[in-house]
Full PDB file with SEQRES, HELIX, SHEET, SSBOND, CRYST1, ORIGX, SCALE, CONECT and MASTER records, all heavy atoms in Angstrom:
SEQRES   1 A   40  HIS GLY VAL THR THR MET GLN ALA SER LEU VAL SER ALA          
SEQRES   2 A   40  PHE PRO ASP ASP LEU GLU ARG ARG LEU ASP ALA LEU ALA          
SEQRES   3 A   40  ILE THR PHE GLU THR PRO SER THR GLY ALA HIS LEU PHE          
SEQRES   4 A   40  GLY                                                          
HELIX    1 AA1 PRO A   15  GLU A   30  1                                  16    
SHEET    1 AA1 2 THR A   5  MET A   6  0                                        
SHEET    2 AA1 2 HIS A  37  LEU A  38  1                                        
CRYST1    1.000    1.000    1.000  90.00  90.00  90.00 P 1           1          
ORIGX1      1.000000  0.000000  0.000000        0.00000                         
ORIGX2      0.000000  1.000000  0.000000        0.00000                         
ORIGX3      0.000000  0.000000  1.000000        0.00000                         
SCALE1      1.000000  0.000000  0.000000        0.00000                         
SCALE2      0.000000  1.000000  0.000000        0.00000                         
SCALE3      0.000000  0.000000  1.000000        0.00000                         
ATOM      1  N   HIS A   1     166.686  64.193 156.080  1.00  0.00           N  
ATOM      2  CA  HIS A   1     166.480  64.512 157.496  1.00  0.00           C  
ATOM      3  C   HIS A   1     164.995  64.558 157.859  1.00  0.00           C  
ATOM      4  O   HIS A   1     164.610  65.211 158.827  1.00  0.00           O  
ATOM      5  CB  HIS A   1     167.184  65.820 157.825  1.00  0.00           C  
ATOM      6  CG  HIS A   1     168.674  65.708 157.748  1.00  0.00           C  
ATOM      7  ND1 HIS A   1     169.438  65.273 158.804  1.00  0.00           N  
ATOM      8  CD2 HIS A   1     169.538  65.935 156.726  1.00  0.00           C  
ATOM      9  CE1 HIS A   1     170.702  65.240 158.449  1.00  0.00           C  
ATOM     10  NE2 HIS A   1     170.798  65.627 157.194  1.00  0.00           N  
ATOM     11  N   GLY A   2     164.176  63.861 157.078  1.00  0.00           N  
ATOM     12  CA  GLY A   2     162.773  63.678 157.436  1.00  0.00           C  
ATOM     13  C   GLY A   2     161.839  64.785 157.013  1.00  0.00           C  
ATOM     14  O   GLY A   2     160.645  64.743 157.334  1.00  0.00           O  
ATOM     15  N   VAL A   3     162.337  65.784 156.294  1.00  0.00           N  
ATOM     16  CA  VAL A   3     161.495  66.919 155.875  1.00  0.00           C  
ATOM     17  C   VAL A   3     160.797  66.551 154.572  1.00  0.00           C  
ATOM     18  O   VAL A   3     161.431  66.118 153.602  1.00  0.00           O  
ATOM     19  CB  VAL A   3     162.339  68.196 155.698  1.00  0.00           C  
ATOM     20  CG1 VAL A   3     161.479  69.332 155.152  1.00  0.00           C  
ATOM     21  CG2 VAL A   3     162.975  68.591 157.029  1.00  0.00           C  
ATOM     22  N   THR A   4     159.491  66.739 154.543  1.00  0.00           N  
ATOM     23  CA  THR A   4     158.712  66.455 153.335  1.00  0.00           C  
ATOM     24  C   THR A   4     158.158  67.717 152.684  1.00  0.00           C  
ATOM     25  O   THR A   4     157.846  67.703 151.498  1.00  0.00           O  
ATOM     26  CB  THR A   4     157.556  65.495 153.655  1.00  0.00           C  
ATOM     27  OG1 THR A   4     156.792  66.006 154.753  1.00  0.00           O  
ATOM     28  CG2 THR A   4     158.090  64.117 154.016  1.00  0.00           C  
ATOM     29  N   THR A   5     158.042  68.796 153.440  1.00  0.00           N  
ATOM     30  CA  THR A   5     157.549  70.073 152.922  1.00  0.00           C  
ATOM     31  C   THR A   5     158.387  71.183 153.527  1.00  0.00           C  
ATOM     32  O   THR A   5     158.673  71.152 154.735  1.00  0.00           O  
ATOM     33  CB  THR A   5     156.068  70.295 153.285  1.00  0.00           C  
ATOM     34  OG1 THR A   5     155.279  69.238 152.736  1.00  0.00           O  
ATOM     35  CG2 THR A   5     155.555  71.625 152.730  1.00  0.00           C  
ATOM     36  N   MET A   6     158.772  72.174 152.716  1.00  0.00           N  
ATOM     37  CA  MET A   6     159.579  73.264 153.257  1.00  0.00           C  
ATOM     38  C   MET A   6     159.409  74.526 152.424  1.00  0.00           C  
ATOM     39  O   MET A   6     158.955  74.491 151.272  1.00  0.00           O  
ATOM     40  CB  MET A   6     161.051  72.872 153.322  1.00  0.00           C  
ATOM     41  CG  MET A   6     161.722  72.625 152.000  1.00  0.00           C  
ATOM     42  SD  MET A   6     163.415  71.953 152.195  1.00  0.00           S  
ATOM     43  CE  MET A   6     164.197  73.203 153.233  1.00  0.00           C  
ATOM     44  N   GLN A   7     159.777  75.633 153.037  1.00  0.00           N  
ATOM     45  CA  GLN A   7     159.862  76.915 152.346  1.00  0.00           C  
ATOM     46  C   GLN A   7     161.324  77.264 152.117  1.00  0.00           C  
ATOM     47  O   GLN A   7     162.186  76.940 152.943  1.00  0.00           O  
ATOM     48  CB  GLN A   7     159.211  78.027 153.170  1.00  0.00           C  
ATOM     49  CG  GLN A   7     157.719  77.878 153.326  1.00  0.00           C  
ATOM     50  CD  GLN A   7     157.067  79.097 153.951  1.00  0.00           C  
ATOM     51  OE1 GLN A   7     156.049  79.567 153.478  1.00  0.00           O  
ATOM     52  NE2 GLN A   7     157.624  79.614 155.026  1.00  0.00           N  
ATOM     53  N   ALA A   8     161.582  77.923 150.994  1.00  0.00           N  
ATOM     54  CA  ALA A   8     162.923  78.424 150.702  1.00  0.00           C  
ATOM     55  C   ALA A   8     163.038  79.835 151.254  1.00  0.00           C  
ATOM     56  O   ALA A   8     162.369  80.752 150.773  1.00  0.00           O  
ATOM     57  CB  ALA A   8     163.166  78.432 149.202  1.00  0.00           C  
ATOM     58  N   SER A   9     163.880  80.011 152.271  1.00  0.00           N  
ATOM     59  CA  SER A   9     164.068  81.336 152.859  1.00  0.00           C  
ATOM     60  C   SER A   9     165.227  82.042 152.160  1.00  0.00           C  
ATOM     61  O   SER A   9     166.298  81.461 151.976  1.00  0.00           O  
ATOM     62  CB  SER A   9     164.356  81.220 154.358  1.00  0.00           C  
ATOM     63  OG  SER A   9     163.252  80.673 155.043  1.00  0.00           O  
ATOM     64  N   LEU A  10     165.001  83.294 151.777  1.00  0.00           N  
ATOM     65  CA  LEU A  10     166.018  84.112 151.132  1.00  0.00           C  
ATOM     66  C   LEU A  10     166.422  85.240 152.067  1.00  0.00           C  
ATOM     67  O   LEU A  10     165.564  85.888 152.680  1.00  0.00           O  
ATOM     68  CB  LEU A  10     165.490  84.715 149.827  1.00  0.00           C  
ATOM     69  CG  LEU A  10     165.099  83.739 148.724  1.00  0.00           C  
ATOM     70  CD1 LEU A  10     164.646  84.508 147.483  1.00  0.00           C  
ATOM     71  CD2 LEU A  10     166.251  82.805 148.379  1.00  0.00           C  
ATOM     72  N   VAL A  11     167.733  85.489 152.155  1.00  0.00           N  
ATOM     73  CA  VAL A  11     168.193  86.629 152.936  1.00  0.00           C  
ATOM     74  C   VAL A  11     168.023  87.901 152.118  1.00  0.00           C  
ATOM     75  O   VAL A  11     167.753  87.870 150.906  1.00  0.00           O  
ATOM     76  CB  VAL A  11     169.660  86.465 153.364  1.00  0.00           C  
ATOM     77  CG1 VAL A  11     169.809  85.272 154.288  1.00  0.00           C  
ATOM     78  CG2 VAL A  11     170.579  86.332 152.160  1.00  0.00           C  
ATOM     79  N   SER A  12     168.186  89.034 152.778  1.00  0.00           N  
ATOM     80  CA  SER A  12     168.002  90.335 152.129  1.00  0.00           C  
ATOM     81  C   SER A  12     168.981  90.512 150.978  1.00  0.00           C  
ATOM     82  O   SER A  12     170.139  90.080 151.050  1.00  0.00           O  
ATOM     83  CB  SER A  12     168.179  91.456 153.149  1.00  0.00           C  
ATOM     84  OG  SER A  12     167.235  91.334 154.191  1.00  0.00           O  
ATOM     85  N   ALA A  13     168.511  91.158 149.938  1.00  0.00           N  
ATOM     86  CA  ALA A  13     169.336  91.391 148.753  1.00  0.00           C  
ATOM     87  C   ALA A  13     168.865  92.664 148.059  1.00  0.00           C  
ATOM     88  O   ALA A  13     167.742  93.130 148.273  1.00  0.00           O  
ATOM     89  CB  ALA A  13     169.246  90.207 147.789  1.00  0.00           C  
ATOM     90  N   PHE A  14     169.738  93.223 147.218  1.00  0.00           N  
ATOM     91  CA  PHE A  14     169.345  94.364 146.395  1.00  0.00           C  
ATOM     92  C   PHE A  14     168.326  93.907 145.354  1.00  0.00           C  
ATOM     93  O   PHE A  14     168.273  92.720 144.996  1.00  0.00           O  
ATOM     94  CB  PHE A  14     170.577  94.986 145.737  1.00  0.00           C  
ATOM     95  CG  PHE A  14     171.513  95.642 146.714  1.00  0.00           C  
ATOM     96  CD1 PHE A  14     172.663  94.992 147.143  1.00  0.00           C  
ATOM     97  CD2 PHE A  14     171.220  96.896 147.230  1.00  0.00           C  
ATOM     98  CE1 PHE A  14     173.522  95.585 148.053  1.00  0.00           C  
ATOM     99  CE2 PHE A  14     172.065  97.505 148.145  1.00  0.00           C  
ATOM    100  CZ  PHE A  14     173.218  96.853 148.562  1.00  0.00           C  
ATOM    101  N   PRO A  15     167.482  94.813 144.853  1.00  0.00           N  
ATOM    102  CA  PRO A  15     166.361  94.411 143.999  1.00  0.00           C  
ATOM    103  C   PRO A  15     166.732  93.515 142.821  1.00  0.00           C  
ATOM    104  O   PRO A  15     166.062  92.501 142.578  1.00  0.00           O  
ATOM    105  CB  PRO A  15     165.780  95.753 143.541  1.00  0.00           C  
ATOM    106  CG  PRO A  15     166.084  96.683 144.672  1.00  0.00           C  
ATOM    107  CD  PRO A  15     167.436  96.263 145.173  1.00  0.00           C  
ATOM    108  N   ASP A  16     167.768  93.837 142.076  1.00  0.00           N  
ATOM    109  CA  ASP A  16     168.114  93.021 140.914  1.00  0.00           C  
ATOM    110  C   ASP A  16     168.539  91.614 141.326  1.00  0.00           C  
ATOM    111  O   ASP A  16     168.167  90.623 140.670  1.00  0.00           O  
ATOM    112  CB  ASP A  16     169.231  93.688 140.102  1.00  0.00           C  
ATOM    113  CG  ASP A  16     168.753  94.921 139.357  1.00  0.00           C  
ATOM    114  OD1 ASP A  16     167.523  95.121 139.271  1.00  0.00           O  
ATOM    115  OD2 ASP A  16     169.606  95.690 138.869  1.00  0.00           O  
ATOM    116  N   ASP A  17     169.326  91.522 142.394  1.00  0.00           N  
ATOM    117  CA  ASP A  17     169.741  90.199 142.878  1.00  0.00           C  
ATOM    118  C   ASP A  17     168.543  89.394 143.352  1.00  0.00           C  
ATOM    119  O   ASP A  17     168.432  88.185 143.088  1.00  0.00           O  
ATOM    120  CB  ASP A  17     170.745  90.340 144.018  1.00  0.00           C  
ATOM    121  CG  ASP A  17     172.114  90.803 143.555  1.00  0.00           C  
ATOM    122  OD1 ASP A  17     172.415  90.605 142.361  1.00  0.00           O  
ATOM    123  OD2 ASP A  17     172.863  91.366 144.367  1.00  0.00           O  
ATOM    124  N   LEU A  18     167.635  90.054 144.059  1.00  0.00           N  
ATOM    125  CA  LEU A  18     166.456  89.358 144.552  1.00  0.00           C  
ATOM    126  C   LEU A  18     165.600  88.840 143.398  1.00  0.00           C  
ATOM    127  O   LEU A  18     165.096  87.713 143.438  1.00  0.00           O  
ATOM    128  CB  LEU A  18     165.640  90.290 145.451  1.00  0.00           C  
ATOM    129  CG  LEU A  18     164.428  89.670 146.152  1.00  0.00           C  
ATOM    130  CD1 LEU A  18     164.853  88.514 147.041  1.00  0.00           C  
ATOM    131  CD2 LEU A  18     163.693  90.731 146.972  1.00  0.00           C  
ATOM    132  N   GLU A  19     165.457  89.631 142.347  1.00  0.00           N  
ATOM    133  CA  GLU A  19     164.681  89.197 141.184  1.00  0.00           C  
ATOM    134  C   GLU A  19     165.303  87.968 140.538  1.00  0.00           C  
ATOM    135  O   GLU A  19     164.595  87.031 140.143  1.00  0.00           O  
ATOM    136  CB  GLU A  19     164.573  90.336 140.168  1.00  0.00           C  
ATOM    137  CG  GLU A  19     163.633  91.455 140.585  1.00  0.00           C  
ATOM    138  CD  GLU A  19     162.196  90.972 140.737  1.00  0.00           C  
ATOM    139  OE1 GLU A  19     161.709  90.242 139.854  1.00  0.00           O  
ATOM    140  OE2 GLU A  19     161.570  91.311 141.760  1.00  0.00           O  
ATOM    141  N   ARG A  20     166.621  87.926 140.426  1.00  0.00           N  
ATOM    142  CA  ARG A  20     167.286  86.760 139.834  1.00  0.00           C  
ATOM    143  C   ARG A  20     167.048  85.513 140.686  1.00  0.00           C  
ATOM    144  O   ARG A  20     166.816  84.421 140.147  1.00  0.00           O  
ATOM    145  CB  ARG A  20     168.791  87.025 139.694  1.00  0.00           C  
ATOM    146  CG  ARG A  20     169.149  87.876 138.477  1.00  0.00           C  
ATOM    147  CD  ARG A  20     170.656  87.854 138.219  1.00  0.00           C  
ATOM    148  NE  ARG A  20     171.392  88.558 139.264  1.00  0.00           N  
ATOM    149  CZ  ARG A  20     171.655  89.864 139.230  1.00  0.00           C  
ATOM    150  NH1 ARG A  20     171.219  90.604 138.222  1.00  0.00           N  
ATOM    151  NH2 ARG A  20     172.346  90.436 140.205  1.00  0.00           N  
ATOM    152  N   ARG A  21     167.115  85.664 141.979  1.00  0.00           N  
ATOM    153  CA  ARG A  21     166.895  84.520 142.859  1.00  0.00           C  
ATOM    154  C   ARG A  21     165.450  84.028 142.779  1.00  0.00           C  
ATOM    155  O   ARG A  21     165.196  82.814 142.775  1.00  0.00           O  
ATOM    156  CB  ARG A  21     167.265  84.892 144.292  1.00  0.00           C  
ATOM    157  CG  ARG A  21     168.761  85.157 144.455  1.00  0.00           C  
ATOM    158  CD  ARG A  21     169.122  85.792 145.789  1.00  0.00           C  
ATOM    159  NE  ARG A  21     170.512  86.217 145.791  1.00  0.00           N  
ATOM    160  CZ  ARG A  21     171.092  86.882 146.760  1.00  0.00           C  
ATOM    161  NH1 ARG A  21     170.383  87.226 147.838  1.00  0.00           N  
ATOM    162  NH2 ARG A  21     172.364  87.231 146.668  1.00  0.00           N  
ATOM    163  N   LEU A  22     164.520  84.955 142.696  1.00  0.00           N  
ATOM    164  CA  LEU A  22     163.119  84.555 142.577  1.00  0.00           C  
ATOM    165  C   LEU A  22     162.842  83.914 141.224  1.00  0.00           C  
ATOM    166  O   LEU A  22     162.051  82.960 141.130  1.00  0.00           O  
ATOM    167  CB  LEU A  22     162.211  85.761 142.805  1.00  0.00           C  
ATOM    168  CG  LEU A  22     162.150  86.274 144.249  1.00  0.00           C  
ATOM    169  CD1 LEU A  22     161.320  87.552 144.331  1.00  0.00           C  
ATOM    170  CD2 LEU A  22     161.588  85.215 145.185  1.00  0.00           C  
ATOM    171  N   ASP A  23     163.479  84.398 140.167  1.00  0.00           N  
ATOM    172  CA  ASP A  23     163.320  83.769 138.853  1.00  0.00           C  
ATOM    173  C   ASP A  23     163.769  82.310 138.911  1.00  0.00           C  
ATOM    174  O   ASP A  23     163.098  81.416 138.361  1.00  0.00           O  
ATOM    175  CB  ASP A  23     164.149  84.513 137.801  1.00  0.00           C  
ATOM    176  CG  ASP A  23     163.549  85.854 137.409  1.00  0.00           C  
ATOM    177  OD1 ASP A  23     162.360  86.082 137.688  1.00  0.00           O  
ATOM    178  OD2 ASP A  23     164.287  86.677 136.824  1.00  0.00           O  
ATOM    179  N   ALA A  24     164.910  82.072 139.562  1.00  0.00           N  
ATOM    180  CA  ALA A  24     165.419  80.707 139.655  1.00  0.00           C  
ATOM    181  C   ALA A  24     164.509  79.833 140.518  1.00  0.00           C  
ATOM    182  O   ALA A  24     164.218  78.675 140.174  1.00  0.00           O  
ATOM    183  CB  ALA A  24     166.839  80.712 140.223  1.00  0.00           C  
ATOM    184  N   LEU A  25     164.031  80.376 141.631  1.00  0.00           N  
ATOM    185  CA  LEU A  25     163.155  79.594 142.501  1.00  0.00           C  
ATOM    186  C   LEU A  25     161.802  79.327 141.858  1.00  0.00           C  
ATOM    187  O   LEU A  25     161.165  78.312 142.147  1.00  0.00           O  
ATOM    188  CB  LEU A  25     162.982  80.308 143.844  1.00  0.00           C  
ATOM    189  CG  LEU A  25     164.147  80.088 144.813  1.00  0.00           C  
ATOM    190  CD1 LEU A  25     164.131  81.114 145.922  1.00  0.00           C  
ATOM    191  CD2 LEU A  25     164.110  78.670 145.392  1.00  0.00           C  
ATOM    192  N   ALA A  26     161.355  80.217 140.982  1.00  0.00           N  
ATOM    193  CA  ALA A  26     160.117  79.968 140.251  1.00  0.00           C  
ATOM    194  C   ALA A  26     160.256  78.718 139.380  1.00  0.00           C  
ATOM    195  O   ALA A  26     159.300  77.946 139.223  1.00  0.00           O  
ATOM    196  CB  ALA A  26     159.757  81.179 139.398  1.00  0.00           C  
ATOM    197  N   ILE A  27     161.442  78.493 138.828  1.00  0.00           N  
ATOM    198  CA  ILE A  27     161.692  77.270 138.047  1.00  0.00           C  
ATOM    199  C   ILE A  27     161.646  76.056 138.961  1.00  0.00           C  
ATOM    200  O   ILE A  27     161.005  75.041 138.659  1.00  0.00           O  
ATOM    201  CB  ILE A  27     163.045  77.374 137.324  1.00  0.00           C  
ATOM    202  CG1 ILE A  27     163.008  78.496 136.282  1.00  0.00           C  
ATOM    203  CG2 ILE A  27     163.412  76.038 136.674  1.00  0.00           C  
ATOM    204  CD1 ILE A  27     164.358  78.804 135.667  1.00  0.00           C  
ATOM    205  N   THR A  28     162.330  76.147 140.093  1.00  0.00           N  
ATOM    206  CA  THR A  28     162.339  75.041 141.046  1.00  0.00           C  
ATOM    207  C   THR A  28     160.931  74.733 141.537  1.00  0.00           C  
ATOM    208  O   THR A  28     160.545  73.570 141.692  1.00  0.00           O  
ATOM    209  CB  THR A  28     163.243  75.378 142.241  1.00  0.00           C  
ATOM    210  OG1 THR A  28     164.538  75.737 141.756  1.00  0.00           O  
ATOM    211  CG2 THR A  28     163.354  74.222 143.205  1.00  0.00           C  
ATOM    212  N   PHE A  29     160.153  75.763 141.773  1.00  0.00           N  
ATOM    213  CA  PHE A  29     158.785  75.629 142.266  1.00  0.00           C  
ATOM    214  C   PHE A  29     157.924  74.811 141.303  1.00  0.00           C  
ATOM    215  O   PHE A  29     157.032  74.065 141.721  1.00  0.00           O  
ATOM    216  CB  PHE A  29     158.199  77.026 142.470  1.00  0.00           C  
ATOM    217  CG  PHE A  29     156.829  77.063 143.074  1.00  0.00           C  
ATOM    218  CD1 PHE A  29     156.592  76.537 144.329  1.00  0.00           C  
ATOM    219  CD2 PHE A  29     155.774  77.646 142.392  1.00  0.00           C  
ATOM    220  CE1 PHE A  29     155.324  76.590 144.895  1.00  0.00           C  
ATOM    221  CE2 PHE A  29     154.508  77.710 142.946  1.00  0.00           C  
ATOM    222  CZ  PHE A  29     154.283  77.169 144.207  1.00  0.00           C  
ATOM    223  N   GLU A  30     158.206  74.927 139.997  1.00  0.00           N  
ATOM    224  CA  GLU A  30     157.422  74.236 138.979  1.00  0.00           C  
ATOM    225  C   GLU A  30     158.032  72.897 138.568  1.00  0.00           C  
ATOM    226  O   GLU A  30     157.460  72.184 137.733  1.00  0.00           O  
ATOM    227  CB  GLU A  30     157.287  75.123 137.744  1.00  0.00           C  
ATOM    228  CG  GLU A  30     156.553  76.441 137.988  1.00  0.00           C  
ATOM    229  CD  GLU A  30     155.087  76.236 138.335  1.00  0.00           C  
ATOM    230  OE1 GLU A  30     154.538  75.159 137.993  1.00  0.00           O  
ATOM    231  OE2 GLU A  30     154.487  77.139 138.954  1.00  0.00           O  
ATOM    232  N   THR A  31     159.186  72.551 139.141  1.00  0.00           N  
ATOM    233  CA  THR A  31     159.891  71.336 138.734  1.00  0.00           C  
ATOM    234  C   THR A  31     159.691  70.239 139.771  1.00  0.00           C  
ATOM    235  O   THR A  31     159.938  70.464 140.960  1.00  0.00           O  
ATOM    236  CB  THR A  31     161.404  71.625 138.581  1.00  0.00           C  
ATOM    237  OG1 THR A  31     161.584  72.682 137.641  1.00  0.00           O  
ATOM    238  CG2 THR A  31     162.138  70.379 138.096  1.00  0.00           C  
ATOM    239  N   PRO A  32     159.253  69.044 139.358  1.00  0.00           N  
ATOM    240  CA  PRO A  32     159.124  67.949 140.327  1.00  0.00           C  
ATOM    241  C   PRO A  32     160.457  67.667 141.022  1.00  0.00           C  
ATOM    242  O   PRO A  32     161.521  67.725 140.405  1.00  0.00           O  
ATOM    243  CB  PRO A  32     158.691  66.759 139.454  1.00  0.00           C  
ATOM    244  CG  PRO A  32     158.056  67.375 138.250  1.00  0.00           C  
ATOM    245  CD  PRO A  32     158.830  68.645 138.007  1.00  0.00           C  
ATOM    246  N   SER A  33     160.376  67.351 142.301  1.00  0.00           N  
ATOM    247  CA  SER A  33     161.580  67.110 143.095  1.00  0.00           C  
ATOM    248  C   SER A  33     161.593  65.682 143.610  1.00  0.00           C  
ATOM    249  O   SER A  33     160.544  65.120 143.937  1.00  0.00           O  
ATOM    250  CB  SER A  33     161.637  68.077 144.281  1.00  0.00           C  
ATOM    251  OG  SER A  33     162.664  67.716 145.184  1.00  0.00           O  
ATOM    252  N   THR A  34     162.791  65.105 143.696  1.00  0.00           N  
ATOM    253  CA  THR A  34     162.950  63.810 144.345  1.00  0.00           C  
ATOM    254  C   THR A  34     163.279  63.984 145.825  1.00  0.00           C  
ATOM    255  O   THR A  34     163.564  63.007 146.512  1.00  0.00           O  
ATOM    256  CB  THR A  34     164.066  62.990 143.663  1.00  0.00           C  
ATOM    257  OG1 THR A  34     165.279  63.751 143.679  1.00  0.00           O  
ATOM    258  CG2 THR A  34     163.684  62.671 142.232  1.00  0.00           C  
ATOM    259  N   GLY A  35     163.250  65.207 146.306  1.00  0.00           N  
ATOM    260  CA  GLY A  35     163.469  65.507 147.713  1.00  0.00           C  
ATOM    261  C   GLY A  35     162.213  66.050 148.349  1.00  0.00           C  
ATOM    262  O   GLY A  35     161.086  65.698 147.974  1.00  0.00           O  
ATOM    263  N   ALA A  36     162.386  66.935 149.324  1.00  0.00           N  
ATOM    264  CA  ALA A  36     161.242  67.581 149.965  1.00  0.00           C  
ATOM    265  C   ALA A  36     160.480  68.434 148.950  1.00  0.00           C  
ATOM    266  O   ALA A  36     161.043  68.895 147.950  1.00  0.00           O  
ATOM    267  CB  ALA A  36     161.724  68.442 151.132  1.00  0.00           C  
ATOM    268  N   HIS A  37     159.206  68.633 149.216  1.00  0.00           N  
ATOM    269  CA  HIS A  37     158.379  69.487 148.360  1.00  0.00           C  
ATOM    270  C   HIS A  37     158.630  70.951 148.708  1.00  0.00           C  
ATOM    271  O   HIS A  37     158.558  71.339 149.876  1.00  0.00           O  
ATOM    272  CB  HIS A  37     156.909  69.154 148.571  1.00  0.00           C  
ATOM    273  CG  HIS A  37     155.976  70.136 147.912  1.00  0.00           C  
ATOM    274  ND1 HIS A  37     155.942  70.334 146.552  1.00  0.00           N  
ATOM    275  CD2 HIS A  37     155.051  70.984 148.433  1.00  0.00           C  
ATOM    276  CE1 HIS A  37     155.036  71.244 146.260  1.00  0.00           C  
ATOM    277  NE2 HIS A  37     154.485  71.654 147.390  1.00  0.00           N  
ATOM    278  N   LEU A  38     158.944  71.749 147.687  1.00  0.00           N  
ATOM    279  CA  LEU A  38     159.093  73.195 147.892  1.00  0.00           C  
ATOM    280  C   LEU A  38     157.712  73.824 147.847  1.00  0.00           C  
ATOM    281  O   LEU A  38     157.108  73.953 146.785  1.00  0.00           O  
ATOM    282  CB  LEU A  38     160.000  73.802 146.821  1.00  0.00           C  
ATOM    283  CG  LEU A  38     160.208  75.320 146.930  1.00  0.00           C  
ATOM    284  CD1 LEU A  38     160.903  75.682 148.234  1.00  0.00           C  
ATOM    285  CD2 LEU A  38     161.006  75.844 145.733  1.00  0.00           C  
ATOM    286  N   PHE A  39     157.233  74.239 149.025  1.00  0.00           N  
ATOM    287  CA  PHE A  39     155.900  74.829 149.106  1.00  0.00           C  
ATOM    288  C   PHE A  39     155.880  76.257 148.599  1.00  0.00           C  
ATOM    289  O   PHE A  39     154.869  76.730 148.077  1.00  0.00           O  
ATOM    290  CB  PHE A  39     155.395  74.764 150.551  1.00  0.00           C  
ATOM    291  CG  PHE A  39     154.012  75.309 150.735  1.00  0.00           C  
ATOM    292  CD1 PHE A  39     152.926  74.656 150.190  1.00  0.00           C  
ATOM    293  CD2 PHE A  39     153.796  76.476 151.449  1.00  0.00           C  
ATOM    294  CE1 PHE A  39     151.637  75.158 150.345  1.00  0.00           C  
ATOM    295  CE2 PHE A  39     152.517  76.984 151.626  1.00  0.00           C  
ATOM    296  CZ  PHE A  39     151.434  76.321 151.073  1.00  0.00           C  
ATOM    297  N   GLY A  40     156.981  76.966 148.731  1.00  0.00           N  
ATOM    298  CA  GLY A  40     157.049  78.354 148.290  1.00  0.00           C  
ATOM    299  C   GLY A  40     158.250  79.034 148.910  1.00  0.00           C  
ATOM    300  O   GLY A  40     159.148  78.384 149.446  1.00  0.00           O  
TER     301      GLY A  40                                                      
MASTER        0    0    0    1    2    0    0    6  300    1    0    4          
END                                                                             
C-alpha cells in the first residue's frame, strides 16, 4: 500500500505482556525486511 517506513503501534498491556511484545519487536527491528522499514 505504498508505505516504506512505519512505526509499530502497541495497545496497552500488562507489564509482562508488554515486555514479551517488545522482546519480539526488538528481533523484528534488527531483521532485514522485504516490506516497509520498521523505524521503531
